[in-house]
Amino acid sequence: MPEIEYVTLAAHAEAINGLLYLQGAGLTDIVQPNDNNGQPGVVHVGIGVSIVVGWNETGQSFPITISVVDEDGSPLINAGGQIEAGRPPNLPAGSVVRSVLALSAEVQFPRGGGYEVRAELGGATKAVAFRVHQQAQPPSPPTQAGPTTWPTPRAD
């Protein structure tokens, strides 16, 4: 059975020609901005996954699930698919093949707190935890009182 080598949370992730490109990988804390109405805004996140496929497992499809869950285990994102790795030409017999997967998403976390990215393959799960911090509301502008008037001095 293929094995998940690692899963990571990043500011951005792409898989191109068998390589995983990550920007800002290893995120542990995300500050979520507010939208124009003061509600939690949208955050761009990337998820990178590396899978090691054994020689005898190449050419076969295996189901994989990637999810983001909150502290209670409730899913916020759930994506599923199949992975399949072929054998490159001239690969020595018995070698392993590394397959990479990248997901990018625009996420609106419902609240601050702990979350986890989980990758599941063949009943085995790898996970990475992170925290979301809601951006503090900007202070209200001070109310402006009318102009201060001073009593007119009297000439006695």
N, C-alpha and C. Protein backbone atom coordinates (compact mmCIF):
# COMPACT_ATOMS: atom_id res chain seq x y z
N MET A 1 0.85 -1.18 0.00
CA MET A 1 0.00 0.00 0.00
C MET A 1 0.89 1.24 0.00
N PRO A 2 0.61 2.21 -0.87
CA PRO A 2 1.36 3.47 -0.85
C PRO A 2 1.26 4.10 0.54
N GLU A 3 2.21 4.95 0.84
CA GLU A 3 2.27 5.57 2.17
C GLU A 3 2.38 7.08 2.04
N ILE A 4 1.62 7.79 2.85
CA ILE A 4 1.72 9.25 2.88
C ILE A 4 3.02 9.59 3.60
N GLU A 5 3.92 10.24 2.87
CA GLU A 5 5.20 10.63 3.45
C GLU A 5 5.04 11.85 4.36
N TYR A 6 4.32 12.86 3.86
CA TYR A 6 4.03 14.04 4.67
C TYR A 6 2.86 14.80 4.09
N VAL A 7 2.28 15.64 4.95
CA VAL A 7 1.26 16.60 4.55
C VAL A 7 1.65 17.92 5.20
N THR A 8 1.50 19.03 4.45
CA THR A 8 1.87 20.33 4.97
C THR A 8 0.86 21.38 4.53
N LEU A 9 0.74 22.39 5.36
CA LEU A 9 -0.12 23.53 5.05
C LEU A 9 0.77 24.67 4.61
N ALA A 10 0.38 25.36 3.55
CA ALA A 10 1.21 26.43 3.00
C ALA A 10 0.34 27.61 2.58
N ALA A 11 1.00 28.72 2.31
CA ALA A 11 0.29 29.87 1.77
C ALA A 11 -0.16 29.57 0.34
N HIS A 12 0.60 28.73 -0.39
CA HIS A 12 0.25 28.35 -1.75
C HIS A 12 0.95 27.03 -2.09
N ALA A 13 0.29 26.19 -2.86
CA ALA A 13 0.87 24.90 -3.26
C ALA A 13 0.49 24.57 -4.70
N GLU A 14 1.47 24.04 -5.45
CA GLU A 14 1.25 23.58 -6.82
C GLU A 14 2.06 22.32 -7.05
N ALA A 15 1.51 21.40 -7.82
CA ALA A 15 2.23 20.20 -8.25
C ALA A 15 2.38 20.29 -9.77
N ILE A 16 3.63 20.36 -10.22
CA ILE A 16 3.91 20.50 -11.65
C ILE A 16 5.00 19.51 -12.03
N ASN A 17 4.72 18.68 -13.04
CA ASN A 17 5.69 17.71 -13.56
C ASN A 17 6.32 16.86 -12.46
N GLY A 18 5.50 16.42 -11.53
CA GLY A 18 5.99 15.52 -10.48
C GLY A 18 6.72 16.21 -9.34
N LEU A 19 6.74 17.55 -9.35
CA LEU A 19 7.41 18.29 -8.28
C LEU A 19 6.38 19.11 -7.51
N LEU A 20 6.60 19.26 -6.22
CA LEU A 20 5.71 20.01 -5.36
C LEU A 20 6.33 21.37 -5.09
N TYR A 21 5.63 22.43 -5.50
CA TYR A 21 6.10 23.79 -5.28
C TYR A 21 5.26 24.41 -4.16
N LEU A 22 5.94 24.82 -3.10
CA LEU A 22 5.26 25.36 -1.93
C LEU A 22 5.79 26.74 -1.61
N GLN A 23 4.90 27.64 -1.26
CA GLN A 23 5.29 28.97 -0.78
C GLN A 23 4.72 29.11 0.62
N GLY A 24 5.58 29.48 1.55
CA GLY A 24 5.14 29.65 2.93
C GLY A 24 4.68 28.34 3.56
N ALA A 25 5.39 27.25 3.27
CA ALA A 25 5.00 25.94 3.81
C ALA A 25 5.30 25.86 5.31
N GLY A 26 4.57 25.00 5.96
CA GLY A 26 4.77 24.80 7.39
C GLY A 26 3.95 25.76 8.24
N LEU A 27 2.88 26.30 7.67
CA LEU A 27 2.04 27.23 8.42
C LEU A 27 1.52 26.58 9.69
N THR A 28 1.61 27.28 10.80
CA THR A 28 1.02 26.81 12.05
C THR A 28 -0.05 27.77 12.54
N ASP A 29 -0.01 29.02 12.04
CA ASP A 29 -0.97 30.03 12.45
C ASP A 29 -1.43 30.83 11.24
N ILE A 30 -2.72 31.03 11.14
CA ILE A 30 -3.30 31.82 10.07
C ILE A 30 -4.10 32.95 10.70
N VAL A 31 -3.85 34.18 10.28
CA VAL A 31 -4.65 35.31 10.73
C VAL A 31 -5.68 35.58 9.64
N GLN A 32 -6.93 35.40 9.99
CA GLN A 32 -8.02 35.58 9.03
C GLN A 32 -8.51 37.01 9.07
N PRO A 33 -8.47 37.70 7.93
CA PRO A 33 -8.94 39.09 7.90
C PRO A 33 -10.46 39.15 8.00
N ASN A 34 -10.95 40.32 8.23
CA ASN A 34 -12.40 40.56 8.22
C ASN A 34 -12.79 41.12 6.86
N ASP A 35 -14.03 40.84 6.45
CA ASP A 35 -14.52 41.45 5.22
C ASP A 35 -15.02 42.86 5.51
N ASN A 36 -15.61 43.49 4.54
CA ASN A 36 -16.08 44.87 4.70
C ASN A 36 -17.18 45.02 5.74
N ASN A 37 -17.86 43.91 6.07
CA ASN A 37 -18.94 43.95 7.05
C ASN A 37 -18.48 43.52 8.44
N GLY A 38 -17.17 43.30 8.60
CA GLY A 38 -16.65 42.87 9.89
C GLY A 38 -16.77 41.38 10.13
N GLN A 39 -17.21 40.62 9.13
CA GLN A 39 -17.34 39.17 9.24
C GLN A 39 -16.03 38.50 8.84
N PRO A 40 -15.81 37.22 9.26
CA PRO A 40 -14.58 36.52 8.84
C PRO A 40 -14.45 36.51 7.32
N GLY A 41 -13.29 36.91 6.84
CA GLY A 41 -13.03 36.97 5.41
C GLY A 41 -12.48 35.66 4.86
N VAL A 42 -12.09 35.69 3.62
CA VAL A 42 -11.58 34.52 2.91
C VAL A 42 -10.05 34.51 2.98
N VAL A 43 -9.49 33.31 3.16
CA VAL A 43 -8.04 33.12 3.23
C VAL A 43 -7.63 32.11 2.16
N HIS A 44 -6.57 32.39 1.42
CA HIS A 44 -6.04 31.43 0.45
C HIS A 44 -5.07 30.50 1.17
N VAL A 45 -5.27 29.19 1.03
CA VAL A 45 -4.36 28.20 1.62
C VAL A 45 -3.99 27.16 0.57
N GLY A 46 -2.84 26.56 0.77
CA GLY A 46 -2.39 25.46 -0.08
C GLY A 46 -2.07 24.26 0.80
N ILE A 47 -2.32 23.08 0.27
CA ILE A 47 -2.02 21.84 0.98
C ILE A 47 -1.12 21.02 0.08
N GLY A 48 0.01 20.59 0.61
CA GLY A 48 0.93 19.75 -0.14
C GLY A 48 1.01 18.36 0.49
N VAL A 49 0.97 17.33 -0.36
CA VAL A 49 1.04 15.95 0.11
C VAL A 49 2.07 15.20 -0.73
N SER A 50 2.92 14.42 -0.06
CA SER A 50 3.88 13.56 -0.74
C SER A 50 3.54 12.11 -0.40
N ILE A 51 3.49 11.27 -1.43
CA ILE A 51 3.11 9.87 -1.28
C ILE A 51 4.21 8.99 -1.86
N VAL A 52 4.62 8.01 -1.10
CA VAL A 52 5.64 7.07 -1.57
C VAL A 52 4.92 5.81 -2.06
N VAL A 53 5.18 5.46 -3.32
CA VAL A 53 4.53 4.31 -3.95
C VAL A 53 5.60 3.25 -4.21
N GLY A 54 5.36 2.05 -3.70
CA GLY A 54 6.30 0.94 -3.88
C GLY A 54 6.30 0.40 -5.30
N TRP A 55 7.37 -0.26 -5.66
CA TRP A 55 7.55 -0.83 -7.00
C TRP A 55 6.34 -1.66 -7.43
N ASN A 56 5.86 -2.53 -6.55
CA ASN A 56 4.75 -3.43 -6.90
C ASN A 56 3.39 -2.74 -6.88
N GLU A 57 3.35 -1.46 -6.47
CA GLU A 57 2.09 -0.73 -6.41
C GLU A 57 1.93 0.26 -7.56
N THR A 58 2.97 0.39 -8.39
CA THR A 58 2.86 1.30 -9.53
C THR A 58 1.83 0.75 -10.51
N GLY A 59 1.20 1.67 -11.23
CA GLY A 59 0.20 1.27 -12.23
C GLY A 59 -1.15 0.92 -11.64
N GLN A 60 -1.33 1.10 -10.34
CA GLN A 60 -2.61 0.83 -9.69
C GLN A 60 -3.18 2.12 -9.12
N SER A 61 -4.51 2.20 -9.04
CA SER A 61 -5.16 3.37 -8.46
C SER A 61 -5.47 3.11 -6.99
N PHE A 62 -5.31 4.16 -6.19
CA PHE A 62 -5.60 4.08 -4.77
C PHE A 62 -6.41 5.32 -4.38
N PRO A 63 -7.49 5.15 -3.59
CA PRO A 63 -8.28 6.31 -3.18
C PRO A 63 -7.57 7.11 -2.08
N ILE A 64 -7.67 8.43 -2.19
CA ILE A 64 -7.09 9.32 -1.20
C ILE A 64 -8.13 10.39 -0.85
N THR A 65 -8.13 10.79 0.41
CA THR A 65 -9.03 11.84 0.88
C THR A 65 -8.21 12.89 1.61
N ILE A 66 -8.45 14.15 1.28
CA ILE A 66 -7.82 15.28 1.97
C ILE A 66 -8.96 16.07 2.62
N SER A 67 -8.81 16.37 3.89
CA SER A 67 -9.86 17.15 4.56
C SER A 67 -9.25 18.15 5.53
N VAL A 68 -10.03 19.19 5.81
CA VAL A 68 -9.70 20.15 6.85
C VAL A 68 -10.84 20.07 7.84
N VAL A 69 -10.51 19.80 9.11
CA VAL A 69 -11.53 19.64 10.14
C VAL A 69 -11.26 20.61 11.29
N ASP A 70 -12.33 20.95 12.01
CA ASP A 70 -12.17 21.84 13.16
C ASP A 70 -11.84 21.02 14.41
N GLU A 71 -11.77 21.69 15.55
CA GLU A 71 -11.40 21.02 16.81
C GLU A 71 -12.34 19.89 17.18
N ASP A 72 -13.59 19.98 16.73
CA ASP A 72 -14.57 18.95 17.05
C ASP A 72 -14.57 17.81 16.03
N GLY A 73 -13.72 17.91 15.01
CA GLY A 73 -13.67 16.89 13.97
C GLY A 73 -14.66 17.11 12.85
N SER A 74 -15.39 18.23 12.88
CA SER A 74 -16.35 18.52 11.82
C SER A 74 -15.61 18.99 10.57
N PRO A 75 -15.91 18.40 9.41
CA PRO A 75 -15.19 18.78 8.19
C PRO A 75 -15.60 20.16 7.67
N LEU A 76 -14.59 20.92 7.28
CA LEU A 76 -14.79 22.21 6.63
C LEU A 76 -14.56 22.05 5.13
N ILE A 77 -13.56 21.23 4.78
CA ILE A 77 -13.23 20.91 3.39
C ILE A 77 -13.06 19.39 3.33
N ASN A 78 -13.56 18.80 2.25
CA ASN A 78 -13.39 17.37 2.05
C ASN A 78 -13.21 17.11 0.56
N ALA A 79 -12.04 16.64 0.16
CA ALA A 79 -11.76 16.37 -1.25
C ALA A 79 -11.27 14.94 -1.39
N GLY A 80 -11.77 14.25 -2.37
CA GLY A 80 -11.36 12.87 -2.60
C GLY A 80 -10.95 12.66 -4.04
N GLY A 81 -10.17 11.64 -4.25
CA GLY A 81 -9.73 11.32 -5.60
C GLY A 81 -8.94 10.03 -5.61
N GLN A 82 -8.26 9.79 -6.70
CA GLN A 82 -7.44 8.60 -6.89
C GLN A 82 -6.02 9.02 -7.21
N ILE A 83 -5.06 8.28 -6.69
CA ILE A 83 -3.67 8.50 -7.10
C ILE A 83 -3.19 7.25 -7.83
N GLU A 84 -2.32 7.47 -8.78
CA GLU A 84 -1.71 6.36 -9.51
C GLU A 84 -0.34 6.82 -9.98
N ALA A 85 0.66 6.01 -9.72
CA ALA A 85 2.03 6.34 -10.14
C ALA A 85 2.50 5.28 -11.12
N GLY A 86 3.11 5.76 -12.20
CA GLY A 86 3.69 4.83 -13.17
C GLY A 86 5.18 4.65 -12.89
N ARG A 87 5.78 3.73 -13.61
CA ARG A 87 7.22 3.50 -13.48
C ARG A 87 7.95 4.27 -14.57
N PRO A 88 8.77 5.23 -14.17
CA PRO A 88 9.56 5.93 -15.19
C PRO A 88 10.50 4.97 -15.91
N PRO A 89 10.86 5.28 -17.17
CA PRO A 89 11.79 4.40 -17.88
C PRO A 89 13.14 4.35 -17.16
N ASN A 90 13.78 3.22 -17.25
CA ASN A 90 15.12 2.99 -16.67
C ASN A 90 15.15 3.06 -15.14
N LEU A 91 13.99 2.95 -14.49
CA LEU A 91 13.96 2.92 -13.03
C LEU A 91 14.43 1.56 -12.57
N PRO A 92 15.45 1.50 -11.69
CA PRO A 92 15.93 0.19 -11.22
C PRO A 92 14.81 -0.59 -10.51
N ALA A 93 14.78 -1.89 -10.74
CA ALA A 93 13.78 -2.75 -10.12
C ALA A 93 13.82 -2.60 -8.60
N GLY A 94 12.64 -2.56 -7.97
CA GLY A 94 12.54 -2.44 -6.53
C GLY A 94 12.53 -1.01 -6.01
N SER A 95 12.72 -0.04 -6.91
CA SER A 95 12.73 1.37 -6.49
C SER A 95 11.33 1.83 -6.08
N VAL A 96 11.29 2.88 -5.28
CA VAL A 96 10.02 3.51 -4.95
C VAL A 96 9.84 4.74 -5.82
N VAL A 97 8.60 5.13 -5.98
CA VAL A 97 8.26 6.31 -6.77
C VAL A 97 7.55 7.28 -5.83
N ARG A 98 7.90 8.53 -5.94
CA ARG A 98 7.24 9.56 -5.12
C ARG A 98 6.21 10.26 -5.99
N SER A 99 5.00 10.37 -5.46
CA SER A 99 3.92 11.06 -6.14
C SER A 99 3.51 12.24 -5.26
N VAL A 100 3.27 13.40 -5.86
CA VAL A 100 2.91 14.58 -5.08
C VAL A 100 1.53 15.08 -5.49
N LEU A 101 0.90 15.74 -4.54
CA LEU A 101 -0.44 16.26 -4.74
C LEU A 101 -0.51 17.64 -4.10
N ALA A 102 -1.14 18.59 -4.78
CA ALA A 102 -1.30 19.94 -4.24
C ALA A 102 -2.75 20.35 -4.38
N LEU A 103 -3.26 20.97 -3.34
CA LEU A 103 -4.60 21.54 -3.36
C LEU A 103 -4.51 23.00 -2.97
N SER A 104 -5.26 23.84 -3.64
CA SER A 104 -5.35 25.24 -3.27
C SER A 104 -6.82 25.55 -3.06
N ALA A 105 -7.10 26.37 -2.05
CA ALA A 105 -8.49 26.68 -1.74
C ALA A 105 -8.61 28.07 -1.15
N GLU A 106 -9.76 28.67 -1.39
CA GLU A 106 -10.14 29.92 -0.75
C GLU A 106 -11.09 29.49 0.38
N VAL A 107 -10.68 29.73 1.61
CA VAL A 107 -11.42 29.20 2.76
C VAL A 107 -11.91 30.34 3.64
N GLN A 108 -13.12 30.18 4.12
CA GLN A 108 -13.67 31.11 5.11
C GLN A 108 -13.89 30.28 6.38
N PHE A 109 -12.96 30.40 7.31
CA PHE A 109 -13.07 29.67 8.56
C PHE A 109 -14.19 30.31 9.38
N PRO A 110 -15.10 29.49 9.92
CA PRO A 110 -16.24 30.07 10.63
C PRO A 110 -15.87 30.74 11.95
N ARG A 111 -14.75 30.33 12.52
CA ARG A 111 -14.33 30.91 13.80
C ARG A 111 -12.85 30.64 14.01
N GLY A 112 -12.27 31.35 14.94
CA GLY A 112 -10.89 31.09 15.31
C GLY A 112 -10.81 29.79 16.11
N GLY A 113 -9.59 29.28 16.23
CA GLY A 113 -9.40 28.06 17.01
C GLY A 113 -8.52 27.07 16.28
N GLY A 114 -8.52 25.83 16.75
CA GLY A 114 -7.68 24.78 16.19
C GLY A 114 -8.35 24.07 15.02
N TYR A 115 -7.54 23.76 14.04
CA TYR A 115 -7.98 23.02 12.87
C TYR A 115 -6.90 21.99 12.52
N GLU A 116 -7.22 21.08 11.61
CA GLU A 116 -6.26 20.06 11.21
C GLU A 116 -6.46 19.73 9.74
N VAL A 117 -5.36 19.57 9.02
CA VAL A 117 -5.41 19.05 7.66
C VAL A 117 -5.11 17.56 7.77
N ARG A 118 -5.98 16.74 7.19
CA ARG A 118 -5.81 15.28 7.24
C ARG A 118 -5.73 14.72 5.83
N ALA A 119 -4.79 13.83 5.63
CA ALA A 119 -4.69 13.08 4.37
C ALA A 119 -4.84 11.60 4.73
N GLU A 120 -5.77 10.92 4.06
CA GLU A 120 -6.01 9.51 4.36
C GLU A 120 -5.84 8.68 3.09
N LEU A 121 -5.07 7.62 3.23
CA LEU A 121 -4.77 6.73 2.11
C LEU A 121 -4.69 5.31 2.65
N GLY A 122 -5.56 4.44 2.17
CA GLY A 122 -5.52 3.05 2.57
C GLY A 122 -5.71 2.83 4.07
N GLY A 123 -6.53 3.65 4.70
CA GLY A 123 -6.79 3.50 6.12
C GLY A 123 -5.78 4.17 7.03
N ALA A 124 -4.67 4.64 6.48
CA ALA A 124 -3.66 5.35 7.27
C ALA A 124 -3.86 6.85 7.09
N THR A 125 -3.69 7.59 8.17
CA THR A 125 -3.90 9.04 8.13
C THR A 125 -2.66 9.76 8.62
N LYS A 126 -2.31 10.83 7.92
CA LYS A 126 -1.28 11.78 8.38
C LYS A 126 -2.01 13.11 8.54
N ALA A 127 -1.63 13.84 9.58
CA ALA A 127 -2.32 15.10 9.85
C ALA A 127 -1.33 16.15 10.32
N VAL A 128 -1.72 17.41 10.11
CA VAL A 128 -0.95 18.54 10.60
C VAL A 128 -1.95 19.54 11.18
N ALA A 129 -1.64 19.99 12.40
CA ALA A 129 -2.54 20.91 13.10
C ALA A 129 -2.12 22.36 12.86
N PHE A 130 -3.09 23.26 12.92
CA PHE A 130 -2.82 24.69 12.81
C PHE A 130 -3.91 25.46 13.54
N ARG A 131 -3.67 26.74 13.78
CA ARG A 131 -4.63 27.59 14.47
C ARG A 131 -5.03 28.77 13.58
N VAL A 132 -6.29 29.14 13.70
CA VAL A 132 -6.81 30.30 12.99
C VAL A 132 -7.10 31.37 14.03
N HIS A 133 -6.60 32.56 13.76
CA HIS A 133 -6.84 33.70 14.64
C HIS A 133 -7.69 34.70 13.87
N GLN A 134 -8.79 35.09 14.46
CA GLN A 134 -9.64 36.10 13.84
C GLN A 134 -8.96 37.45 14.01
N GLN A 135 -8.94 38.24 12.96
CA GLN A 135 -8.35 39.56 13.03
C GLN A 135 -9.20 40.42 13.96
N ALA A 136 -8.54 41.14 14.82
CA ALA A 136 -9.26 41.99 15.76
C ALA A 136 -10.02 43.07 15.00
N GLN A 137 -11.18 43.39 15.51
CA GLN A 137 -11.95 44.47 14.90
C GLN A 137 -11.19 45.78 15.11
N PRO A 138 -11.10 46.61 14.09
CA PRO A 138 -10.42 47.89 14.29
C PRO A 138 -11.21 48.72 15.28
N PRO A 139 -10.51 49.51 16.08
CA PRO A 139 -11.25 50.32 17.05
C PRO A 139 -12.16 51.31 16.33
N SER A 140 -13.28 51.58 16.95
CA SER A 140 -14.20 52.56 16.36
C SER A 140 -13.56 53.93 16.41
N PRO A 141 -13.78 54.72 15.37
CA PRO A 141 -13.19 56.06 15.40
C PRO A 141 -13.82 56.85 16.53
N PRO A 142 -13.05 57.71 17.15
CA PRO A 142 -13.61 58.47 18.27
C PRO A 142 -14.75 59.36 17.77
N THR A 143 -15.74 59.48 18.62
CA THR A 143 -16.84 60.36 18.25
C THR A 143 -16.37 61.80 18.42
N GLN A 144 -16.78 62.59 17.53
CA GLN A 144 -16.33 63.98 17.59
C GLN A 144 -17.45 64.84 18.17
N ALA A 145 -17.12 65.53 19.20
CA ALA A 145 -18.08 66.46 19.79
C ALA A 145 -18.02 67.74 18.96
N GLY A 146 -18.99 68.56 19.14
CA GLY A 146 -19.00 69.83 18.43
C GLY A 146 -17.82 70.69 18.87
N PRO A 147 -17.61 71.79 18.19
CA PRO A 147 -16.46 72.63 18.54
C PRO A 147 -16.62 73.16 19.97
N THR A 148 -15.50 73.24 20.60
CA THR A 148 -15.51 73.77 21.96
C THR A 148 -15.63 75.28 21.89
N THR A 149 -16.55 75.81 22.66
CA THR A 149 -16.69 77.28 22.69
C THR A 149 -16.27 77.77 24.06
N TRP A 150 -15.56 78.82 24.04
CA TRP A 150 -15.11 79.43 25.29
C TRP A 150 -15.94 80.67 25.53
N PRO A 151 -16.20 80.94 26.76
CA PRO A 151 -16.96 82.17 27.02
C PRO A 151 -16.16 83.38 26.58
N THR A 152 -16.86 84.31 26.05
CA THR A 152 -16.22 85.55 25.61
C THR A 152 -15.82 86.34 26.86
N PRO A 153 -14.57 86.77 26.94
CA PRO A 153 -14.17 87.53 28.12
C PRO A 153 -14.92 88.87 28.17
N ARG A 154 -15.26 89.26 29.35
CA ARG A 154 -15.96 90.54 29.52
C ARG A 154 -14.95 91.60 29.92
N ALA A 155 -15.20 92.71 29.43
CA ALA A 155 -14.36 93.83 29.83
C ALA A 155 -15.05 94.54 30.97
N ASP A 156 -14.55 94.58 32.12
CA ASP A 156 -15.16 95.25 33.28
C ASP A 156 -14.54 96.56 33.53
